[in-house]
């Protein structure tokens, strides 16, 4: 059980030392502000649009499959349109994020 009165984790897991699956006592920060960190994908994944349509979905009987529905980060689109709509190219837009490792980007499936 997580309670709002519990302190939040302050730092994202370190990909080189993070084990999967992981168990935390209380809240844990699983987002990194560093672009090269695999935990970056969910940083600001949802803009102000999501006050009404943010969604996290896990299909029945598939507990390790997670969809996070966010919004397009237009300023981050890659410059692949002959100079039109060029952004910094650091993300996939983050409209829909998919994981089959319970949201852990460093876990390996076999």
N, C-alpha and C. Protein backbone atom coordinates (compact mmCIF):
# COMPACT_ATOMS: atom_id res chain seq x y z
N UNK A 1 0.85 -1.17 0.00
CA UNK A 1 0.00 0.00 0.00
C UNK A 1 0.90 1.23 0.00
N UNK A 2 0.55 2.19 -0.85
CA UNK A 2 1.25 3.45 -0.89
C UNK A 2 0.36 4.54 -0.32
N UNK A 3 0.94 5.36 0.51
CA UNK A 3 0.19 6.45 1.13
C UNK A 3 0.79 7.78 0.73
N UNK A 4 -0.04 8.78 0.52
CA UNK A 4 0.44 10.11 0.16
C UNK A 4 1.32 10.70 1.25
N UNK A 5 1.18 10.22 2.46
CA UNK A 5 1.99 10.74 3.57
C UNK A 5 3.42 10.21 3.55
N UNK A 6 3.70 9.19 2.73
CA UNK A 6 5.05 8.65 2.65
C UNK A 6 5.91 9.54 1.74
N UNK A 7 7.17 9.67 2.09
CA UNK A 7 8.09 10.48 1.29
C UNK A 7 8.35 9.80 -0.06
N UNK A 8 8.51 10.63 -1.09
CA UNK A 8 8.79 10.11 -2.44
C UNK A 8 10.27 9.82 -2.58
N UNK A 9 10.59 8.86 -3.45
CA UNK A 9 12.00 8.60 -3.77
C UNK A 9 12.59 9.81 -4.47
N UNK A 10 13.84 10.09 -4.23
CA UNK A 10 14.45 11.31 -4.76
C UNK A 10 15.18 11.10 -6.08
N UNK A 11 15.67 9.91 -6.34
CA UNK A 11 16.46 9.69 -7.54
C UNK A 11 15.95 8.46 -8.29
N UNK A 12 16.12 8.49 -9.60
CA UNK A 12 15.74 7.34 -10.42
C UNK A 12 16.76 6.22 -10.21
N UNK A 13 16.37 4.97 -10.45
CA UNK A 13 17.33 3.87 -10.34
C UNK A 13 18.50 4.06 -11.31
N UNK A 14 19.65 3.56 -10.94
CA UNK A 14 20.83 3.60 -11.80
C UNK A 14 20.76 2.37 -12.71
N UNK A 15 20.68 2.55 -14.03
CA UNK A 15 20.50 1.41 -14.92
C UNK A 15 21.55 0.31 -14.77
N UNK A 16 22.79 0.67 -14.48
CA UNK A 16 23.86 -0.32 -14.38
C UNK A 16 23.73 -1.22 -13.16
N UNK A 17 23.05 -0.74 -12.13
CA UNK A 17 22.97 -1.53 -10.90
C UNK A 17 21.55 -1.93 -10.53
N UNK A 18 20.57 -1.47 -11.29
CA UNK A 18 19.17 -1.76 -10.98
C UNK A 18 18.85 -3.22 -11.31
N UNK A 19 18.18 -3.90 -10.41
CA UNK A 19 17.77 -5.27 -10.66
C UNK A 19 16.28 -5.32 -10.94
N UNK A 20 15.86 -6.35 -11.65
CA UNK A 20 14.46 -6.50 -12.04
C UNK A 20 14.04 -7.91 -11.72
N UNK A 21 12.90 -8.15 -11.16
CA UNK A 21 11.99 -7.12 -10.67
C UNK A 21 12.50 -6.50 -9.38
N UNK A 22 12.02 -5.34 -9.08
CA UNK A 22 12.44 -4.63 -7.89
C UNK A 22 11.25 -4.41 -6.97
N UNK A 23 11.53 -4.37 -5.69
CA UNK A 23 10.51 -4.09 -4.69
C UNK A 23 10.98 -2.90 -3.88
N UNK A 24 10.09 -1.95 -3.68
CA UNK A 24 10.43 -0.75 -2.92
C UNK A 24 9.50 -0.64 -1.74
N UNK A 25 10.01 -0.09 -0.67
CA UNK A 25 9.18 0.23 0.48
C UNK A 25 8.74 1.68 0.33
N UNK A 26 7.52 1.86 -0.09
CA UNK A 26 7.02 3.22 -0.30
C UNK A 26 7.20 3.65 -1.74
N UNK A 27 7.09 4.96 -1.96
CA UNK A 27 7.17 5.54 -3.29
C UNK A 27 8.59 5.51 -3.81
N UNK A 28 8.75 5.33 -5.11
CA UNK A 28 10.08 5.33 -5.72
C UNK A 28 10.01 6.10 -7.04
N UNK A 29 10.95 7.01 -7.22
CA UNK A 29 11.05 7.74 -8.48
C UNK A 29 11.59 6.80 -9.54
N UNK A 30 10.86 6.60 -10.63
CA UNK A 30 11.31 5.74 -11.72
C UNK A 30 11.48 6.54 -13.02
N UNK A 31 11.71 7.84 -12.89
CA UNK A 31 11.89 8.71 -14.04
C UNK A 31 13.19 9.48 -13.88
N UNK A 32 13.92 9.59 -15.00
CA UNK A 32 15.17 10.34 -15.02
C UNK A 32 15.02 11.58 -15.89
N UNK A 33 15.69 12.65 -15.53
CA UNK A 33 15.71 13.86 -16.35
C UNK A 33 16.84 13.82 -17.37
N UNK A 34 17.66 12.78 -17.35
CA UNK A 34 18.80 12.64 -18.24
C UNK A 34 18.37 11.91 -19.52
N UNK A 35 18.52 12.54 -20.66
CA UNK A 35 18.04 12.00 -21.93
C UNK A 35 18.60 10.61 -22.23
N UNK A 36 19.86 10.36 -21.93
CA UNK A 36 20.49 9.07 -22.26
C UNK A 36 20.10 7.96 -21.30
N UNK A 37 19.44 8.28 -20.20
CA UNK A 37 19.03 7.27 -19.22
C UNK A 37 17.77 6.56 -19.72
N UNK A 38 17.71 5.22 -19.66
CA UNK A 38 16.51 4.53 -20.14
C UNK A 38 15.25 4.89 -19.36
N UNK A 39 15.38 5.50 -18.20
CA UNK A 39 14.23 5.91 -17.41
C UNK A 39 13.73 7.30 -17.81
N UNK A 40 14.27 7.88 -18.89
CA UNK A 40 13.87 9.20 -19.36
C UNK A 40 12.49 9.20 -20.03
N UNK A 41 12.09 8.11 -20.64
CA UNK A 41 10.89 8.09 -21.50
C UNK A 41 9.63 8.62 -20.81
N UNK A 42 9.49 8.42 -19.52
CA UNK A 42 8.28 8.89 -18.84
C UNK A 42 8.46 10.25 -18.18
N UNK A 43 9.59 10.91 -18.39
CA UNK A 43 9.75 12.26 -17.87
C UNK A 43 8.87 13.20 -18.68
N UNK A 44 7.96 13.88 -18.03
CA UNK A 44 7.07 14.83 -18.68
C UNK A 44 6.37 14.20 -19.89
N UNK A 45 6.00 12.92 -19.76
CA UNK A 45 5.37 12.23 -20.88
C UNK A 45 4.00 12.79 -21.22
N UNK A 46 3.46 13.56 -20.32
CA UNK A 46 2.11 14.06 -20.53
C UNK A 46 2.08 15.55 -20.22
N UNK A 47 1.67 16.31 -21.20
CA UNK A 47 1.63 17.76 -21.04
C UNK A 47 0.33 18.16 -20.33
N UNK A 48 0.00 19.44 -20.38
CA UNK A 48 -1.22 19.91 -19.74
C UNK A 48 -2.49 19.27 -20.29
N UNK A 49 -2.39 18.70 -21.49
CA UNK A 49 -3.55 18.02 -22.08
C UNK A 49 -4.03 16.88 -21.19
N UNK A 50 -3.16 16.27 -20.46
CA UNK A 50 -3.50 15.05 -19.74
C UNK A 50 -4.27 15.26 -18.44
N UNK A 51 -4.63 16.47 -18.14
CA UNK A 51 -5.46 16.64 -16.95
C UNK A 51 -6.78 15.93 -17.13
N UNK A 52 -7.13 15.59 -18.38
CA UNK A 52 -8.39 14.88 -18.59
C UNK A 52 -8.26 13.56 -19.34
N UNK A 53 -7.10 13.24 -19.92
CA UNK A 53 -7.04 12.00 -20.69
C UNK A 53 -5.76 11.18 -20.53
N UNK A 54 -5.11 11.30 -19.42
CA UNK A 54 -3.94 10.47 -19.15
C UNK A 54 -4.40 9.06 -18.81
N UNK A 55 -3.67 8.06 -19.30
CA UNK A 55 -4.08 6.69 -19.02
C UNK A 55 -2.88 5.77 -18.88
N UNK A 56 -2.99 4.84 -17.95
CA UNK A 56 -2.05 3.74 -17.80
C UNK A 56 -2.87 2.47 -17.89
N UNK A 57 -2.47 1.55 -18.76
CA UNK A 57 -3.27 0.36 -19.01
C UNK A 57 -2.41 -0.89 -18.94
N UNK A 58 -2.90 -1.89 -18.24
CA UNK A 58 -2.30 -3.22 -18.20
C UNK A 58 -3.36 -4.22 -18.59
N UNK A 59 -3.15 -4.98 -19.69
CA UNK A 59 -4.16 -5.95 -20.12
C UNK A 59 -4.38 -7.03 -19.07
N UNK A 60 -5.60 -7.56 -18.99
CA UNK A 60 -5.87 -8.65 -18.04
C UNK A 60 -4.94 -9.83 -18.31
N UNK A 61 -4.49 -10.46 -17.25
CA UNK A 61 -3.62 -11.63 -17.31
C UNK A 61 -2.25 -11.35 -17.93
N UNK A 62 -1.85 -10.10 -18.03
CA UNK A 62 -0.53 -9.73 -18.56
C UNK A 62 0.09 -8.68 -17.64
N UNK A 63 0.44 -9.04 -16.40
CA UNK A 63 0.87 -8.06 -15.42
C UNK A 63 2.17 -7.33 -15.76
N UNK A 64 3.00 -7.88 -16.66
CA UNK A 64 4.23 -7.20 -17.02
C UNK A 64 4.08 -6.28 -18.23
N UNK A 65 2.90 -6.26 -18.84
CA UNK A 65 2.66 -5.41 -20.00
C UNK A 65 1.97 -4.13 -19.53
N UNK A 66 2.58 -2.99 -19.90
CA UNK A 66 2.08 -1.69 -19.48
C UNK A 66 2.08 -0.74 -20.67
N UNK A 67 0.97 -0.05 -20.86
CA UNK A 67 0.87 1.04 -21.83
C UNK A 67 0.67 2.32 -21.04
N UNK A 68 1.46 3.34 -21.34
CA UNK A 68 1.30 4.66 -20.74
C UNK A 68 0.95 5.60 -21.88
N UNK A 69 -0.23 6.20 -21.80
CA UNK A 69 -0.70 7.07 -22.86
C UNK A 69 -0.48 8.52 -22.44
N UNK A 70 0.32 9.22 -23.21
CA UNK A 70 0.67 10.59 -22.89
C UNK A 70 0.24 11.54 -23.99
N UNK A 71 1.12 12.43 -24.37
CA UNK A 71 0.82 13.37 -25.45
C UNK A 71 2.09 13.63 -26.24
N UNK A 72 1.92 14.10 -27.46
CA UNK A 72 3.06 14.34 -28.34
C UNK A 72 3.86 15.52 -27.84
N UNK A 73 5.16 15.36 -27.77
CA UNK A 73 6.07 16.45 -27.41
C UNK A 73 6.64 17.01 -28.72
N UNK A 74 5.93 17.93 -29.34
CA UNK A 74 6.31 18.42 -30.67
C UNK A 74 7.71 19.00 -30.69
N UNK A 75 8.13 19.63 -29.64
CA UNK A 75 9.47 20.22 -29.59
C UNK A 75 10.57 19.19 -29.54
N UNK A 76 10.22 17.91 -29.41
CA UNK A 76 11.22 16.84 -29.34
C UNK A 76 11.21 15.95 -30.58
N UNK A 77 10.35 16.24 -31.55
CA UNK A 77 10.32 15.40 -32.75
C UNK A 77 11.67 15.48 -33.46
N UNK A 78 12.13 14.37 -34.05
CA UNK A 78 13.38 14.43 -34.81
C UNK A 78 13.21 15.26 -36.09
N UNK A 79 14.29 15.75 -36.60
CA UNK A 79 14.25 16.56 -37.80
C UNK A 79 14.34 15.63 -39.01
N UNK A 80 13.24 14.98 -39.34
CA UNK A 80 13.24 14.04 -40.45
C UNK A 80 12.24 14.42 -41.53
N UNK A 81 11.85 15.68 -41.56
CA UNK A 81 10.84 16.12 -42.52
C UNK A 81 11.37 17.26 -43.38
N UNK A 82 12.63 17.13 -43.85
CA UNK A 82 13.24 18.15 -44.70
C UNK A 82 13.19 19.54 -44.07
N UNK A 83 13.44 19.59 -42.77
CA UNK A 83 13.51 20.87 -42.09
C UNK A 83 12.20 21.38 -41.53
N UNK A 84 11.11 20.67 -41.76
CA UNK A 84 9.82 21.10 -41.25
C UNK A 84 9.56 20.43 -39.91
N UNK A 85 9.22 21.20 -38.91
CA UNK A 85 8.90 20.63 -37.61
C UNK A 85 10.08 20.07 -36.86
N UNK A 86 11.26 20.61 -37.08
CA UNK A 86 12.45 20.07 -36.40
C UNK A 86 12.44 20.41 -34.92
N UNK A 87 12.68 19.39 -34.12
CA UNK A 87 12.83 19.58 -32.69
C UNK A 87 14.23 19.13 -32.29
N UNK A 88 14.41 18.83 -31.02
CA UNK A 88 15.73 18.43 -30.55
C UNK A 88 15.99 16.94 -30.75
N UNK A 89 14.98 16.15 -31.17
CA UNK A 89 15.18 14.76 -31.51
C UNK A 89 15.47 13.83 -30.35
N UNK A 90 15.17 14.26 -29.13
CA UNK A 90 15.56 13.44 -27.99
C UNK A 90 14.53 12.41 -27.55
N UNK A 91 13.33 12.41 -28.11
CA UNK A 91 12.35 11.43 -27.67
C UNK A 91 11.55 10.88 -28.83
N UNK A 92 10.67 9.96 -28.51
CA UNK A 92 9.78 9.37 -29.52
C UNK A 92 8.44 10.08 -29.54
N UNK A 93 8.34 11.22 -28.92
CA UNK A 93 7.07 11.93 -28.85
C UNK A 93 6.25 11.55 -27.63
N UNK A 94 6.40 10.33 -27.16
CA UNK A 94 5.76 9.85 -25.95
C UNK A 94 4.24 9.89 -25.98
N UNK A 95 3.65 9.69 -27.16
CA UNK A 95 2.19 9.58 -27.21
C UNK A 95 1.75 8.30 -26.52
N UNK A 96 2.37 7.19 -26.90
CA UNK A 96 2.07 5.90 -26.28
C UNK A 96 3.39 5.21 -26.00
N UNK A 97 3.60 4.86 -24.74
CA UNK A 97 4.79 4.11 -24.34
C UNK A 97 4.36 2.69 -24.01
N UNK A 98 5.16 1.73 -24.41
CA UNK A 98 4.83 0.31 -24.23
C UNK A 98 5.98 -0.39 -23.53
N UNK A 99 5.66 -1.26 -22.61
CA UNK A 99 6.66 -2.07 -21.94
C UNK A 99 6.11 -3.47 -21.71
N UNK A 100 6.96 -4.47 -21.92
CA UNK A 100 6.57 -5.83 -21.54
C UNK A 100 7.44 -6.33 -20.39
N UNK A 101 8.06 -5.37 -19.68
CA UNK A 101 8.88 -5.69 -18.52
C UNK A 101 8.40 -4.92 -17.30
N UNK A 102 7.11 -4.80 -17.16
CA UNK A 102 6.48 -4.12 -16.03
C UNK A 102 6.94 -2.67 -15.90
N UNK A 103 7.29 -2.06 -17.03
CA UNK A 103 7.70 -0.66 -17.03
C UNK A 103 9.18 -0.45 -16.77
N UNK A 104 9.94 -1.52 -16.56
CA UNK A 104 11.37 -1.38 -16.31
C UNK A 104 12.12 -1.41 -17.63
N UNK A 105 12.67 -0.28 -18.09
CA UNK A 105 13.34 -0.25 -19.39
C UNK A 105 14.66 -0.99 -19.42
N UNK A 106 15.22 -1.33 -18.28
CA UNK A 106 16.52 -2.02 -18.27
C UNK A 106 16.37 -3.52 -18.16
N UNK A 107 15.15 -4.01 -17.95
CA UNK A 107 14.93 -5.47 -17.82
C UNK A 107 15.02 -6.13 -19.18
N UNK A 108 15.47 -7.35 -19.19
CA UNK A 108 15.58 -8.10 -20.43
C UNK A 108 14.58 -9.25 -20.39
N UNK A 109 13.87 -9.42 -21.49
CA UNK A 109 12.94 -10.54 -21.58
C UNK A 109 13.59 -11.64 -22.40
N UNK A 110 13.19 -12.86 -22.16
CA UNK A 110 13.76 -13.98 -22.92
C UNK A 110 12.71 -14.64 -23.75
